[in-house]
Amino acid sequence: MRESITVRIIYPFYYSVTFLLFLRPINIRKILEQFLIFLKKIMEKYYKKLSGFSSTSLEGLEVVKLLKRYDTKFIFHRNRLALVLDFLSGYYEILEIDNRRSFRYTSTYFDSPDLIFYHQHHNRCYDRYKIRSRKYIDSNQCYFEIKQKNNRKKTIKNRLSLNGDFSGGELPGELKSFALDNISFASKSFIDNLRPSLIVEFERLTFADRYSGERLTLDINLSFTGKDSSTGKMHNLVVAEIKRENRTLNQRFLRFLKTMAINPTKFSKYCLGLVMTENNLKYNRFKKYILKINKLN
């Protein structure tokens, strides 16, 4: 497919102008600054024009369901979102339900009193887990999900459809049995002690490439609520995630992101949210990406 005008022309020119701001005399610098502000306003409008994408339905998305997958994450500032969307419009279809193309999610994570799932991730354990209930606000659907990252770095997600929203207290019997069946190290007493540890709310755009069997999501407007009601927000952060059946990464999208110095990163909404809402939590191995996220936000 042909890349859009914005990616091929406006995008490189935007960053060329940014570079020139550091080289030109003051009078030209002011002119360039005004033009850059104007150009930014144009690009921000792209976010409001998701109608430029071809759409796919939930049924179409089932083709790239990817409950067993490899995933790669990227983070960047929201002011680059318009450019990313414009690039994606040439290659991906966007999920549309009832004329909506952006959807609200609420995830409630469960953990042990000593936060074993958090520490598994922090300590770089293989065969680690996360447990959550996830509510799709706009479609009023809810699932109980267990995500496993195995020693081959493959994500395996098992889930149960819930009749109503379950987001607090002790797990009911059916969910305890499901967790016991899908967490290799878990005992009955361990499952009995799982409690809500974090609520994560965000907005998601979902894209699919039927030809490559790949799915891409963009998460924005992240907010976190801890078990003691402490809160954190990351509204300037965009989390992009490529989900695919095999290890091979989409080089076309990867090359595009690299032109903006956006590289793959290790990121977990759950771990970030706990660091923001829990006092005295060990996060030594996350400091590098926490610093990066704080700069972006």
Protein backbone atom coordinates (compact mmCIF):
# COMPACT_ATOMS: atom_id res chain seq x y z
CA MET A 1 0.00 0.00 0.00
CA ARG A 2 1.07 3.55 -0.67
CA GLU A 3 2.12 5.47 2.43
CA SER A 4 0.18 8.65 3.13
CA ILE A 5 1.25 12.22 2.40
CA THR A 6 1.76 12.90 6.08
CA VAL A 7 4.18 10.02 6.60
CA ARG A 8 6.15 10.65 3.40
CA ILE A 9 6.26 14.46 3.42
CA ILE A 10 4.85 16.26 6.48
CA TYR A 11 6.36 13.87 9.01
CA PRO A 12 10.03 14.21 7.89
CA PHE A 13 9.56 17.96 7.39
CA TYR A 14 8.20 18.34 10.94
CA TYR A 15 11.34 16.88 12.47
CA SER A 16 13.59 18.81 10.07
CA VAL A 17 11.99 22.03 11.29
CA THR A 18 12.47 20.94 14.89
CA PHE A 19 16.17 20.43 14.21
CA LEU A 20 16.52 23.81 12.47
CA LEU A 21 15.23 25.56 15.58
CA PHE A 22 18.58 24.88 17.18
CA LEU A 23 20.62 26.18 14.25
CA ARG A 24 19.04 29.36 12.87
CA PRO A 25 19.32 32.96 14.10
CA ILE A 26 16.73 34.27 16.55
CA ASN A 27 14.47 36.03 13.98
CA ILE A 28 14.18 32.92 11.79
CA ARG A 29 13.82 30.81 14.89
CA LYS A 30 10.65 32.70 15.85
CA ILE A 31 9.16 32.17 12.41
CA LEU A 32 9.96 28.47 12.53
CA GLU A 33 8.49 28.17 16.03
CA GLN A 34 5.19 29.67 14.84
CA PHE A 35 5.12 27.38 11.85
CA LEU A 36 5.86 24.39 14.05
CA ILE A 37 2.91 25.27 16.30
CA PHE A 38 0.69 25.48 13.22
CA LEU A 39 1.96 22.15 11.93
CA LYS A 40 1.35 20.47 15.28
CA LYS A 41 -2.27 21.63 15.24
CA ILE A 42 -2.73 20.08 11.81
CA MET A 43 -1.29 16.76 12.96
CA GLU A 44 -3.36 16.69 16.14
CA LYS A 45 -6.48 16.73 14.00
CA TYR A 46 -5.58 13.32 12.61
CA TYR A 47 -6.43 11.75 15.92
CA LYS A 48 -9.98 13.02 15.55
CA LYS A 49 -10.23 11.53 12.09
CA LEU A 50 -10.18 7.81 12.80
CA SER A 51 -12.86 7.58 10.14
CA GLY A 52 -9.98 7.47 7.66
CA PHE A 53 -9.41 3.82 8.56
CA SER A 54 -11.13 0.86 6.99
CA SER A 55 -13.04 -0.85 9.78
CA THR A 56 -13.40 -4.40 11.02
CA SER A 57 -16.01 -5.93 13.34
CA LEU A 58 -15.61 -8.15 16.37
CA GLU A 59 -16.31 -11.10 14.10
CA GLY A 60 -13.51 -9.99 11.79
CA LEU A 61 -11.20 -9.56 14.74
CA GLU A 62 -11.71 -13.20 15.68
CA VAL A 63 -9.43 -14.02 12.74
CA VAL A 64 -6.56 -12.51 14.74
CA LYS A 65 -7.77 -13.37 18.25
CA LEU A 66 -4.27 -14.34 19.42
CA LEU A 67 -4.89 -15.77 22.87
CA LYS A 68 -1.51 -17.47 22.42
CA ARG A 69 0.99 -15.01 21.07
CA TYR A 70 4.24 -13.10 21.15
CA ASP A 71 3.96 -9.43 21.97
CA THR A 72 6.21 -6.38 21.75
CA LYS A 73 5.49 -3.05 23.44
CA PHE A 74 6.45 0.55 22.71
CA ILE A 75 5.79 3.75 24.64
CA PHE A 76 5.76 7.32 23.34
CA HIS A 77 4.33 10.76 24.07
CA ARG A 78 0.79 11.49 22.98
CA ASN A 79 1.92 14.33 20.72
CA ARG A 80 3.22 11.67 18.31
CA LEU A 81 -0.05 9.79 18.17
CA ALA A 82 -1.40 11.61 15.11
CA LEU A 83 1.63 10.58 13.04
CA VAL A 84 1.40 6.98 14.18
CA LEU A 85 -2.30 6.84 13.33
CA ASP A 86 -1.68 8.28 9.91
CA PHE A 87 0.94 5.62 9.20
CA LEU A 88 -1.31 2.82 10.44
CA SER A 89 -4.23 3.92 8.25
CA GLY A 90 -2.35 2.67 5.21
CA TYR A 91 -1.96 -0.89 6.47
CA TYR A 92 -4.45 -1.76 9.23
CA GLU A 93 -8.19 -1.97 9.78
CA ILE A 94 -9.61 -0.49 12.98
CA LEU A 95 -12.13 -2.20 15.23
CA GLU A 96 -15.54 -0.54 15.06
CA ILE A 97 -18.59 -1.41 17.19
CA ASP A 98 -21.83 0.59 17.01
CA ASN A 99 -20.01 3.45 15.26
CA ARG A 100 -17.38 3.63 18.01
CA ARG A 101 -13.69 3.22 17.27
CA SER A 102 -12.25 3.97 20.70
CA PHE A 103 -13.22 1.84 23.70
CA ARG A 104 -12.97 2.16 27.48
CA TYR A 105 -11.56 -0.64 29.61
CA THR A 106 -11.41 -1.24 33.35
CA SER A 107 -9.08 -3.98 34.62
CA THR A 108 -9.01 -5.13 38.23
CA TYR A 109 -5.85 -7.07 39.07
CA PHE A 110 -5.61 -9.66 41.82
CA ASP A 111 -2.51 -10.60 43.76
CA SER A 112 -1.39 -12.23 46.98
CA PRO A 113 -0.82 -10.14 50.14
CA ASP A 114 2.92 -10.09 49.37
CA LEU A 115 2.27 -9.25 45.67
CA ILE A 116 3.88 -12.37 44.27
CA PHE A 117 2.79 -11.66 40.68
CA TYR A 118 4.37 -8.21 40.80
CA HIS A 119 7.62 -9.62 42.19
CA GLN A 120 7.69 -12.39 39.58
CA HIS A 121 7.81 -9.68 36.92
CA HIS A 122 10.25 -7.47 38.84
CA ASN A 123 12.63 -10.38 39.44
CA ARG A 124 12.44 -11.41 35.77
CA CYS A 125 10.97 -14.80 36.50
CA TYR A 126 10.04 -16.98 33.58
CA ASP A 127 6.66 -18.65 33.67
CA ARG A 128 5.07 -15.68 35.43
CA TYR A 129 1.39 -14.78 35.76
CA LYS A 130 -1.12 -11.97 36.08
CA ILE A 131 -4.76 -12.34 37.10
CA ARG A 132 -7.44 -9.78 36.37
CA SER A 133 -11.09 -9.16 35.66
CA ARG A 134 -11.54 -6.95 32.62
CA LYS A 135 -14.66 -4.97 31.85
CA TYR A 136 -15.32 -3.62 28.37
CA ILE A 137 -17.27 -0.55 29.40
CA ASP A 138 -18.86 0.31 26.06
CA SER A 139 -20.11 -3.21 25.29
CA ASN A 140 -20.79 -4.09 28.96
CA GLN A 141 -18.87 -7.36 28.69
CA CYS A 142 -16.65 -8.74 31.43
CA TYR A 143 -14.04 -11.51 31.53
CA PHE A 144 -11.87 -13.13 34.16
CA GLU A 145 -8.40 -13.58 32.66
CA ILE A 146 -5.17 -15.33 33.54
CA LYS A 147 -2.09 -14.30 31.54
CA GLN A 148 1.00 -16.46 31.56
CA LYS A 149 4.39 -15.47 30.12
CA ASN A 150 6.25 -18.74 29.68
CA ASN A 151 9.98 -19.44 29.44
CA ARG A 152 9.84 -18.99 25.67
CA LYS A 153 8.53 -15.43 26.17
CA LYS A 154 5.17 -16.43 24.75
CA THR A 155 1.98 -14.99 26.25
CA ILE A 156 -0.83 -17.45 26.89
CA LYS A 157 -4.18 -16.02 27.95
CA ASN A 158 -7.03 -18.09 29.37
CA ARG A 159 -10.31 -16.44 30.20
CA LEU A 160 -13.87 -16.96 31.38
CA SER A 161 -16.86 -14.88 30.41
CA LEU A 162 -18.59 -13.37 33.46
CA ASN A 163 -22.32 -12.74 33.71
CA GLY A 164 -21.75 -9.53 35.68
CA ASP A 165 -18.94 -7.26 36.76
CA PHE A 166 -16.71 -8.86 39.38
CA SER A 167 -14.05 -6.52 40.68
CA GLY A 168 -13.65 -6.94 44.40
CA GLY A 169 -13.33 -9.19 47.42
CA GLU A 170 -12.56 -12.87 47.56
CA LEU A 171 -12.80 -14.82 44.31
CA PRO A 172 -16.00 -16.88 43.99
CA GLY A 173 -15.69 -20.66 43.75
CA GLU A 174 -15.84 -20.92 39.95
CA LEU A 175 -13.02 -18.39 39.51
CA LYS A 176 -10.93 -20.05 42.21
CA SER A 177 -11.17 -23.36 40.36
CA PHE A 178 -10.29 -21.67 37.08
CA ALA A 179 -7.23 -20.02 38.65
CA LEU A 180 -6.14 -23.26 40.29
CA ASP A 181 -6.32 -25.05 36.93
CA ASN A 182 -4.30 -22.40 35.09
CA ILE A 183 -1.53 -21.36 37.51
CA SER A 184 1.12 -24.05 37.70
CA PHE A 185 2.47 -23.31 41.16
CA ALA A 186 -0.79 -22.34 42.88
CA SER A 187 -2.22 -24.16 45.88
CA LYS A 188 -5.76 -23.84 47.19
CA SER A 189 -4.62 -21.69 50.11
CA PHE A 190 -2.75 -19.38 47.73
CA ILE A 191 -5.84 -18.89 45.56
CA ASP A 192 -8.00 -18.33 48.66
CA ASN A 193 -5.81 -15.37 49.63
CA LEU A 194 -5.92 -13.52 46.30
CA ARG A 195 -7.44 -10.06 46.61
CA PRO A 196 -7.79 -6.96 44.37
CA SER A 197 -4.49 -5.08 44.25
CA LEU A 198 -4.95 -2.46 41.50
CA ILE A 199 -7.57 -0.98 39.16
CA VAL A 200 -6.37 0.23 35.76
CA GLU A 201 -8.59 2.31 33.48
CA PHE A 202 -7.69 3.26 29.94
CA GLU A 203 -8.95 3.85 26.43
CA ARG A 204 -7.96 1.52 23.60
CA LEU A 205 -7.78 1.63 19.82
CA THR A 206 -7.51 -1.84 18.25
CA PHE A 207 -6.15 -2.52 14.77
CA ALA A 208 -5.90 -5.72 12.77
CA ASP A 209 -3.96 -6.86 9.73
CA ARG A 210 -5.82 -9.86 8.35
CA TYR A 211 -3.05 -10.71 5.92
CA SER A 212 -0.23 -11.01 8.46
CA GLY A 213 -2.43 -12.28 11.30
CA GLU A 214 -1.23 -9.45 13.48
CA ARG A 215 -3.06 -7.24 15.95
CA LEU A 216 -1.94 -3.84 17.24
CA THR A 217 -3.38 -1.88 20.16
CA LEU A 218 -2.86 1.71 21.30
CA ASP A 219 -3.71 2.47 24.93
CA ILE A 220 -4.19 6.05 26.10
CA ASN A 221 -5.52 7.97 29.12
CA LEU A 222 -4.14 5.52 31.66
CA SER A 223 -5.19 5.94 35.29
CA PHE A 224 -4.52 3.75 38.33
CA THR A 225 -6.27 3.24 41.66
CA GLY A 226 -4.54 1.28 44.41
CA LYS A 227 -6.14 -0.85 47.08
CA ASP A 228 -5.93 2.05 49.55
CA SER A 229 -7.59 4.39 46.99
CA SER A 230 -4.31 6.13 46.10
CA THR A 231 -4.27 7.18 42.45
CA GLY A 232 -1.94 7.90 39.56
CA LYS A 233 -2.45 9.14 36.00
CA MET A 234 -0.46 8.87 32.77
CA HIS A 235 -2.57 10.82 30.29
CA ASN A 236 0.33 11.84 28.03
CA LEU A 237 1.58 8.28 27.64
CA VAL A 238 0.69 6.03 24.70
CA VAL A 239 1.33 2.30 24.99
CA ALA A 240 1.54 0.46 21.67
CA GLU A 241 1.58 -3.31 21.57
CA ILE A 242 2.05 -5.61 18.58
CA LYS A 243 0.57 -9.08 19.09
CA ARG A 244 1.40 -11.89 16.70
CA GLU A 245 1.50 -15.69 16.39
CA ASN A 246 5.23 -16.01 15.78
CA ARG A 247 8.40 -14.25 16.90
CA THR A 248 8.86 -12.30 13.68
CA LEU A 249 8.15 -8.60 14.21
CA ASN A 250 6.54 -6.34 11.61
CA GLN A 251 9.63 -4.62 10.21
CA ARG A 252 7.63 -1.96 8.38
CA PHE A 253 6.07 -0.59 11.56
CA LEU A 254 9.29 -1.10 13.49
CA ARG A 255 11.27 0.96 10.97
CA PHE A 256 8.68 3.71 11.13
CA LEU A 257 8.90 3.91 14.93
CA LYS A 258 12.69 3.90 14.83
CA THR A 259 12.67 7.07 12.73
CA MET A 260 11.15 8.74 15.81
CA ALA A 261 13.59 7.03 18.18
CA ILE A 262 10.79 4.81 19.53
CA ASN A 263 12.18 1.38 20.33
CA PRO A 264 10.74 -1.78 21.89
CA THR A 265 10.55 -1.57 25.67
CA LYS A 266 9.60 -3.76 28.59
CA PHE A 267 6.40 -2.37 30.04
CA SER A 268 3.60 -3.53 32.33
CA LYS A 269 0.57 -1.44 33.20
CA TYR A 270 0.16 -3.53 36.33
CA CYS A 271 3.70 -3.01 37.57
CA LEU A 272 3.68 0.71 36.71
CA GLY A 273 0.39 1.18 38.52
CA LEU A 274 1.64 -0.54 41.67
CA VAL A 275 4.81 1.54 41.70
CA MET A 276 2.65 4.67 41.49
CA THR A 277 0.13 3.65 44.16
CA GLU A 278 2.05 1.47 46.66
CA ASN A 279 4.43 2.88 49.27
CA ASN A 280 7.76 1.19 49.98
CA LEU A 281 7.52 -1.14 46.99
CA LYS A 282 10.78 -2.47 45.61
CA TYR A 283 11.24 -1.41 41.98
CA ASN A 284 15.01 -1.27 41.40
CA ARG A 285 14.83 -3.16 38.11
CA PHE A 286 12.06 -0.89 36.84
CA LYS A 287 13.85 2.40 37.54
CA LYS A 288 15.15 2.80 34.00
CA TYR A 289 11.75 2.58 32.36
CA ILE A 290 10.03 4.50 35.18
CA LEU A 291 12.40 7.42 34.49
CA LYS A 292 11.64 7.16 30.77
CA ILE A 293 7.89 7.14 31.42
CA ASN A 294 8.10 10.13 33.76
CA LYS A 295 9.92 12.11 31.06
CA LEU A 296 7.22 11.26 28.55
CA ASN A 297 4.43 12.18 30.94
